[in-house]
Amino acid sequence: MSVLKRLDTEEGLKKIHYHKTTKGTWVCESGRTYFVKSKKSSSSQEASEDDIVAPMSGAIISVDVAPGDAVTAGQDLVVMTAMKMEYRLKAPKDGTIKAVNCKLNDLVDIEDILVSMDE
């Protein structure tokens, strides 16, 4: 979710929109967009074969699991939208959810680890 802040500067009152992601913060000001990287990015780790990653940048519209949930192969885990399309990210195998690294309305980047499963 984007946040609007009003800043009083030497040039007058400015509106700044920003949105935090797992890799940093997007900042929009006066028609310009900037990306500020986080010092420690939770998504900087390598994905394992038991991780479900974002196929492209987009928005999370549904998270259907929680840590500790038992899932079956093909079960929906997360639904995201990107480029006006809906992507249903499914469990690749039977297992247990180890971690969920996203929540409703998060903006995610390509290859962000969204869900981790136990072997």
N, C-alpha and C. Protein backbone atom coordinates (compact mmCIF):
# COMPACT_ATOMS: atom_id res chain seq x y z
N MET A 1 0.83 -1.16 0.00
CA MET A 1 0.00 0.00 0.00
C MET A 1 0.89 1.24 0.00
N SER A 2 0.57 2.17 -0.85
CA SER A 2 1.32 3.41 -0.97
C SER A 2 0.93 4.36 0.16
N VAL A 3 1.91 5.10 0.67
CA VAL A 3 1.68 6.06 1.75
C VAL A 3 1.96 7.46 1.21
N LEU A 4 1.11 8.41 1.56
CA LEU A 4 1.28 9.81 1.15
C LEU A 4 1.79 10.60 2.34
N LYS A 5 2.86 11.33 2.14
CA LYS A 5 3.41 12.22 3.17
C LYS A 5 3.49 13.62 2.59
N ARG A 6 3.27 14.60 3.41
CA ARG A 6 3.44 16.00 3.01
C ARG A 6 4.66 16.54 3.73
N LEU A 7 5.61 17.06 2.97
CA LEU A 7 6.84 17.59 3.53
C LEU A 7 6.94 19.08 3.30
N ASP A 8 7.29 19.81 4.34
CA ASP A 8 7.50 21.26 4.23
C ASP A 8 8.97 21.48 3.92
N THR A 9 9.27 21.93 2.70
CA THR A 9 10.66 22.15 2.27
C THR A 9 10.89 23.63 2.01
N GLU A 10 12.12 23.98 1.71
CA GLU A 10 12.45 25.37 1.38
C GLU A 10 11.68 25.82 0.14
N GLU A 11 11.34 24.86 -0.73
CA GLU A 11 10.62 25.17 -1.96
C GLU A 11 9.10 25.14 -1.76
N GLY A 12 8.65 24.92 -0.55
CA GLY A 12 7.23 24.87 -0.25
C GLY A 12 6.78 23.45 0.11
N LEU A 13 5.48 23.28 0.21
CA LEU A 13 4.90 22.00 0.59
C LEU A 13 4.98 21.01 -0.58
N LYS A 14 5.50 19.81 -0.32
CA LYS A 14 5.60 18.78 -1.36
C LYS A 14 4.88 17.52 -0.91
N LYS A 15 4.29 16.84 -1.88
CA LYS A 15 3.66 15.55 -1.62
C LYS A 15 4.60 14.45 -2.05
N ILE A 16 4.83 13.51 -1.17
CA ILE A 16 5.71 12.37 -1.45
C ILE A 16 4.90 11.10 -1.25
N HIS A 17 4.91 10.22 -2.24
CA HIS A 17 4.30 8.90 -2.10
C HIS A 17 5.44 7.90 -1.95
N TYR A 18 5.29 6.93 -1.06
CA TYR A 18 6.31 5.89 -0.96
C TYR A 18 5.67 4.55 -0.66
N HIS A 19 6.39 3.51 -1.05
CA HIS A 19 5.93 2.14 -0.81
C HIS A 19 7.14 1.28 -0.50
N LYS A 20 7.09 0.59 0.64
CA LYS A 20 8.19 -0.28 1.05
C LYS A 20 7.99 -1.67 0.48
N THR A 21 9.05 -2.27 -0.04
CA THR A 21 9.04 -3.65 -0.50
C THR A 21 10.13 -4.41 0.26
N THR A 22 10.27 -5.68 -0.04
CA THR A 22 11.28 -6.47 0.64
C THR A 22 12.69 -6.04 0.27
N LYS A 23 12.87 -5.42 -0.87
CA LYS A 23 14.21 -5.04 -1.32
C LYS A 23 14.54 -3.57 -1.10
N GLY A 24 13.55 -2.76 -0.75
CA GLY A 24 13.79 -1.33 -0.56
C GLY A 24 12.50 -0.54 -0.59
N THR A 25 12.61 0.74 -0.90
CA THR A 25 11.45 1.63 -0.89
C THR A 25 11.37 2.41 -2.20
N TRP A 26 10.17 2.42 -2.80
CA TRP A 26 9.89 3.24 -3.98
C TRP A 26 9.41 4.59 -3.48
N VAL A 27 9.95 5.68 -4.02
CA VAL A 27 9.56 7.03 -3.64
C VAL A 27 9.17 7.79 -4.91
N CYS A 28 7.99 8.41 -4.89
CA CYS A 28 7.52 9.21 -6.03
C CYS A 28 7.35 10.65 -5.56
N GLU A 29 7.98 11.58 -6.31
CA GLU A 29 7.92 13.00 -5.95
C GLU A 29 8.00 13.82 -7.22
N SER A 30 7.08 14.73 -7.39
CA SER A 30 7.06 15.65 -8.54
C SER A 30 7.20 14.93 -9.88
N GLY A 31 6.53 13.81 -10.04
CA GLY A 31 6.57 13.08 -11.30
C GLY A 31 7.81 12.22 -11.49
N ARG A 32 8.70 12.20 -10.52
CA ARG A 32 9.90 11.37 -10.60
C ARG A 32 9.77 10.21 -9.63
N THR A 33 10.32 9.07 -10.02
CA THR A 33 10.27 7.87 -9.19
C THR A 33 11.69 7.42 -8.88
N TYR A 34 11.92 7.11 -7.62
CA TYR A 34 13.24 6.67 -7.16
C TYR A 34 13.08 5.35 -6.42
N PHE A 35 14.13 4.53 -6.45
CA PHE A 35 14.15 3.30 -5.66
C PHE A 35 15.35 3.35 -4.73
N VAL A 36 15.10 3.18 -3.43
CA VAL A 36 16.16 3.20 -2.43
C VAL A 36 16.29 1.78 -1.89
N LYS A 37 17.44 1.14 -2.14
CA LYS A 37 17.67 -0.23 -1.69
C LYS A 37 17.79 -0.31 -0.18
N SER A 38 17.25 -1.39 0.39
CA SER A 38 17.44 -1.66 1.81
C SER A 38 18.86 -2.15 2.03
N LYS A 39 19.42 -1.83 3.18
CA LYS A 39 20.77 -2.32 3.48
C LYS A 39 20.76 -3.83 3.61
N LYS A 40 19.77 -4.36 4.32
CA LYS A 40 19.65 -5.81 4.46
C LYS A 40 18.35 -6.21 3.80
N SER A 41 18.44 -6.91 2.70
CA SER A 41 17.27 -7.35 1.96
C SER A 41 16.96 -8.79 2.31
N SER A 42 15.72 -9.04 2.79
CA SER A 42 15.33 -10.41 3.15
C SER A 42 15.26 -11.31 1.93
N SER A 43 15.13 -10.70 0.74
CA SER A 43 15.01 -11.50 -0.46
C SER A 43 16.35 -11.71 -1.16
N SER A 44 17.44 -11.23 -0.52
CA SER A 44 18.74 -11.36 -1.16
C SER A 44 19.28 -12.79 -1.08
N GLN A 45 18.63 -13.64 -0.29
CA GLN A 45 19.08 -15.02 -0.20
C GLN A 45 18.68 -15.80 -1.45
N GLU A 46 19.41 -16.84 -1.72
CA GLU A 46 19.12 -17.68 -2.87
C GLU A 46 17.90 -18.54 -2.58
N ALA A 47 17.04 -18.68 -3.56
CA ALA A 47 15.86 -19.53 -3.41
C ALA A 47 16.27 -20.99 -3.55
N SER A 48 15.64 -21.84 -2.74
CA SER A 48 15.87 -23.28 -2.86
C SER A 48 14.75 -23.87 -3.69
N GLU A 49 14.85 -25.15 -3.98
CA GLU A 49 13.79 -25.78 -4.77
C GLU A 49 12.49 -25.90 -3.97
N ASP A 50 12.55 -25.67 -2.66
CA ASP A 50 11.36 -25.72 -1.82
C ASP A 50 10.73 -24.35 -1.61
N ASP A 51 11.22 -23.34 -2.31
CA ASP A 51 10.70 -21.98 -2.20
C ASP A 51 9.82 -21.65 -3.40
N ILE A 52 8.78 -20.89 -3.13
CA ILE A 52 7.91 -20.38 -4.20
C ILE A 52 8.29 -18.92 -4.38
N VAL A 53 8.71 -18.54 -5.59
CA VAL A 53 9.19 -17.19 -5.86
C VAL A 53 8.25 -16.46 -6.81
N ALA A 54 8.29 -15.14 -6.76
CA ALA A 54 7.48 -14.32 -7.66
C ALA A 54 8.03 -14.46 -9.09
N PRO A 55 7.16 -14.80 -10.05
CA PRO A 55 7.62 -14.95 -11.43
C PRO A 55 7.94 -13.61 -12.09
N MET A 56 7.39 -12.53 -11.54
CA MET A 56 7.64 -11.17 -12.02
C MET A 56 7.20 -10.20 -10.95
N SER A 57 7.51 -8.93 -11.13
CA SER A 57 7.07 -7.91 -10.16
C SER A 57 5.56 -7.78 -10.23
N GLY A 58 4.94 -7.61 -9.08
CA GLY A 58 3.49 -7.48 -9.06
C GLY A 58 2.97 -7.26 -7.65
N ALA A 59 1.65 -7.40 -7.49
CA ALA A 59 0.98 -7.17 -6.22
C ALA A 59 0.33 -8.46 -5.72
N ILE A 60 0.45 -8.70 -4.43
CA ILE A 60 -0.16 -9.88 -3.81
C ILE A 60 -1.63 -9.57 -3.56
N ILE A 61 -2.52 -10.42 -4.09
CA ILE A 61 -3.96 -10.20 -3.89
C ILE A 61 -4.61 -11.27 -3.01
N SER A 62 -3.86 -12.33 -2.70
CA SER A 62 -4.39 -13.36 -1.80
C SER A 62 -3.24 -14.20 -1.27
N VAL A 63 -3.27 -14.46 0.04
CA VAL A 63 -2.33 -15.38 0.67
C VAL A 63 -3.19 -16.45 1.33
N ASP A 64 -3.11 -17.67 0.83
CA ASP A 64 -4.03 -18.73 1.23
C ASP A 64 -3.44 -19.72 2.23
N VAL A 65 -2.22 -19.47 2.73
CA VAL A 65 -1.58 -20.38 3.66
C VAL A 65 -0.90 -19.60 4.78
N ALA A 66 -0.57 -20.33 5.85
CA ALA A 66 0.16 -19.77 6.98
C ALA A 66 1.23 -20.77 7.39
N PRO A 67 2.26 -20.32 8.09
CA PRO A 67 3.29 -21.26 8.55
C PRO A 67 2.67 -22.41 9.34
N GLY A 68 3.14 -23.62 9.05
CA GLY A 68 2.64 -24.81 9.73
C GLY A 68 1.51 -25.52 9.00
N ASP A 69 0.92 -24.87 7.99
CA ASP A 69 -0.16 -25.50 7.23
C ASP A 69 0.37 -26.66 6.40
N ALA A 70 -0.39 -27.76 6.37
CA ALA A 70 -0.08 -28.88 5.47
C ALA A 70 -0.73 -28.58 4.13
N VAL A 71 0.02 -28.76 3.04
CA VAL A 71 -0.51 -28.49 1.71
C VAL A 71 -0.28 -29.69 0.80
N THR A 72 -1.06 -29.77 -0.26
CA THR A 72 -0.90 -30.84 -1.24
C THR A 72 -0.43 -30.24 -2.56
N ALA A 73 0.22 -31.04 -3.35
CA ALA A 73 0.72 -30.58 -4.65
C ALA A 73 -0.42 -29.98 -5.47
N GLY A 74 -0.18 -28.80 -6.03
CA GLY A 74 -1.17 -28.13 -6.86
C GLY A 74 -2.09 -27.18 -6.10
N GLN A 75 -1.98 -27.16 -4.78
CA GLN A 75 -2.83 -26.28 -3.98
C GLN A 75 -2.37 -24.83 -4.12
N ASP A 76 -3.32 -23.89 -4.24
CA ASP A 76 -2.97 -22.47 -4.31
C ASP A 76 -2.33 -22.02 -3.00
N LEU A 77 -1.21 -21.31 -3.11
CA LEU A 77 -0.52 -20.77 -1.94
C LEU A 77 -0.68 -19.25 -1.89
N VAL A 78 -0.39 -18.60 -3.03
CA VAL A 78 -0.43 -17.15 -3.14
C VAL A 78 -0.99 -16.80 -4.51
N VAL A 79 -1.78 -15.73 -4.57
CA VAL A 79 -2.26 -15.23 -5.85
C VAL A 79 -1.74 -13.80 -5.98
N MET A 80 -1.15 -13.50 -7.15
CA MET A 80 -0.63 -12.16 -7.39
C MET A 80 -1.09 -11.66 -8.76
N THR A 81 -1.07 -10.35 -8.94
CA THR A 81 -1.36 -9.77 -10.25
C THR A 81 -0.11 -9.07 -10.75
N ALA A 82 0.09 -9.16 -12.04
CA ALA A 82 1.20 -8.50 -12.70
C ALA A 82 0.81 -8.30 -14.15
N MET A 83 1.03 -7.11 -14.66
CA MET A 83 0.73 -6.79 -16.05
C MET A 83 -0.72 -7.15 -16.40
N LYS A 84 -1.64 -6.82 -15.47
CA LYS A 84 -3.09 -7.03 -15.64
C LYS A 84 -3.47 -8.50 -15.77
N MET A 85 -2.60 -9.40 -15.29
CA MET A 85 -2.90 -10.83 -15.31
C MET A 85 -2.81 -11.37 -13.88
N GLU A 86 -3.55 -12.43 -13.63
CA GLU A 86 -3.53 -13.06 -12.32
C GLU A 86 -2.67 -14.32 -12.37
N TYR A 87 -1.80 -14.46 -11.39
CA TYR A 87 -0.91 -15.62 -11.30
C TYR A 87 -1.21 -16.37 -10.01
N ARG A 88 -1.57 -17.65 -10.15
CA ARG A 88 -1.81 -18.51 -8.99
C ARG A 88 -0.56 -19.33 -8.76
N LEU A 89 0.11 -19.08 -7.66
CA LEU A 89 1.34 -19.81 -7.34
C LEU A 89 0.95 -21.00 -6.48
N LYS A 90 1.27 -22.18 -6.96
CA LYS A 90 0.80 -23.43 -6.37
C LYS A 90 1.93 -24.21 -5.73
N ALA A 91 1.55 -25.07 -4.78
CA ALA A 91 2.53 -25.94 -4.13
C ALA A 91 3.07 -26.93 -5.16
N PRO A 92 4.39 -27.06 -5.28
CA PRO A 92 4.96 -27.99 -6.25
C PRO A 92 4.88 -29.45 -5.80
N LYS A 93 4.61 -29.64 -4.49
CA LYS A 93 4.58 -31.00 -3.94
C LYS A 93 3.82 -30.97 -2.62
N ASP A 94 3.54 -32.13 -2.07
CA ASP A 94 2.95 -32.20 -0.73
C ASP A 94 4.00 -31.76 0.28
N GLY A 95 3.57 -31.09 1.34
CA GLY A 95 4.51 -30.66 2.37
C GLY A 95 3.87 -29.75 3.39
N THR A 96 4.73 -29.08 4.15
CA THR A 96 4.31 -28.16 5.20
C THR A 96 4.91 -26.79 4.93
N ILE A 97 4.11 -25.75 5.17
CA ILE A 97 4.59 -24.38 4.96
C ILE A 97 5.53 -24.01 6.11
N LYS A 98 6.76 -23.63 5.75
CA LYS A 98 7.76 -23.24 6.74
C LYS A 98 7.65 -21.74 7.03
N ALA A 99 7.51 -20.92 5.99
CA ALA A 99 7.45 -19.46 6.17
C ALA A 99 6.64 -18.83 5.04
N VAL A 100 5.94 -17.77 5.38
CA VAL A 100 5.23 -16.94 4.40
C VAL A 100 5.84 -15.55 4.49
N ASN A 101 6.46 -15.09 3.40
CA ASN A 101 7.21 -13.83 3.40
C ASN A 101 6.48 -12.69 2.72
N CYS A 102 5.17 -12.82 2.54
CA CYS A 102 4.39 -11.75 1.90
C CYS A 102 3.03 -11.68 2.58
N LYS A 103 2.37 -10.56 2.34
CA LYS A 103 1.02 -10.39 2.87
C LYS A 103 0.16 -9.66 1.84
N LEU A 104 -1.12 -9.63 2.07
CA LEU A 104 -2.07 -8.99 1.17
C LEU A 104 -1.64 -7.56 0.85
N ASN A 105 -1.68 -7.22 -0.43
CA ASN A 105 -1.36 -5.88 -0.96
C ASN A 105 0.13 -5.56 -1.02
N ASP A 106 1.00 -6.51 -0.66
CA ASP A 106 2.44 -6.27 -0.82
C ASP A 106 2.78 -6.14 -2.30
N LEU A 107 3.73 -5.28 -2.61
CA LEU A 107 4.31 -5.23 -3.94
C LEU A 107 5.60 -6.02 -3.87
N VAL A 108 5.75 -6.98 -4.76
CA VAL A 108 6.92 -7.85 -4.73
C VAL A 108 7.71 -7.72 -6.02
N ASP A 109 8.98 -8.04 -5.95
CA ASP A 109 9.86 -8.00 -7.10
C ASP A 109 10.06 -9.41 -7.65
N ILE A 110 10.50 -9.47 -8.89
CA ILE A 110 10.78 -10.76 -9.51
C ILE A 110 11.78 -11.53 -8.65
N GLU A 111 11.53 -12.81 -8.47
CA GLU A 111 12.35 -13.75 -7.72
C GLU A 111 12.36 -13.52 -6.21
N ASP A 112 11.48 -12.66 -5.69
CA ASP A 112 11.32 -12.58 -4.23
C ASP A 112 10.79 -13.91 -3.75
N ILE A 113 11.29 -14.39 -2.63
CA ILE A 113 10.78 -15.64 -2.05
C ILE A 113 9.49 -15.31 -1.31
N LEU A 114 8.38 -15.87 -1.78
CA LEU A 114 7.07 -15.58 -1.20
C LEU A 114 6.72 -16.60 -0.12
N VAL A 115 6.97 -17.87 -0.39
CA VAL A 115 6.61 -18.95 0.53
C VAL A 115 7.75 -19.98 0.53
N SER A 116 8.08 -20.49 1.73
CA SER A 116 9.06 -21.56 1.85
C SER A 116 8.35 -22.79 2.41
N MET A 117 8.71 -23.94 1.85
CA MET A 117 8.13 -25.21 2.29
C MET A 117 9.20 -26.09 2.91
N ASP A 118 8.79 -26.92 3.87
CA ASP A 118 9.69 -27.94 4.40
C ASP A 118 9.77 -29.07 3.42
N GLU A 119 10.89 -29.77 3.44
CA GLU A 119 11.10 -30.90 2.52
C GLU A 119 10.21 -32.06 2.87
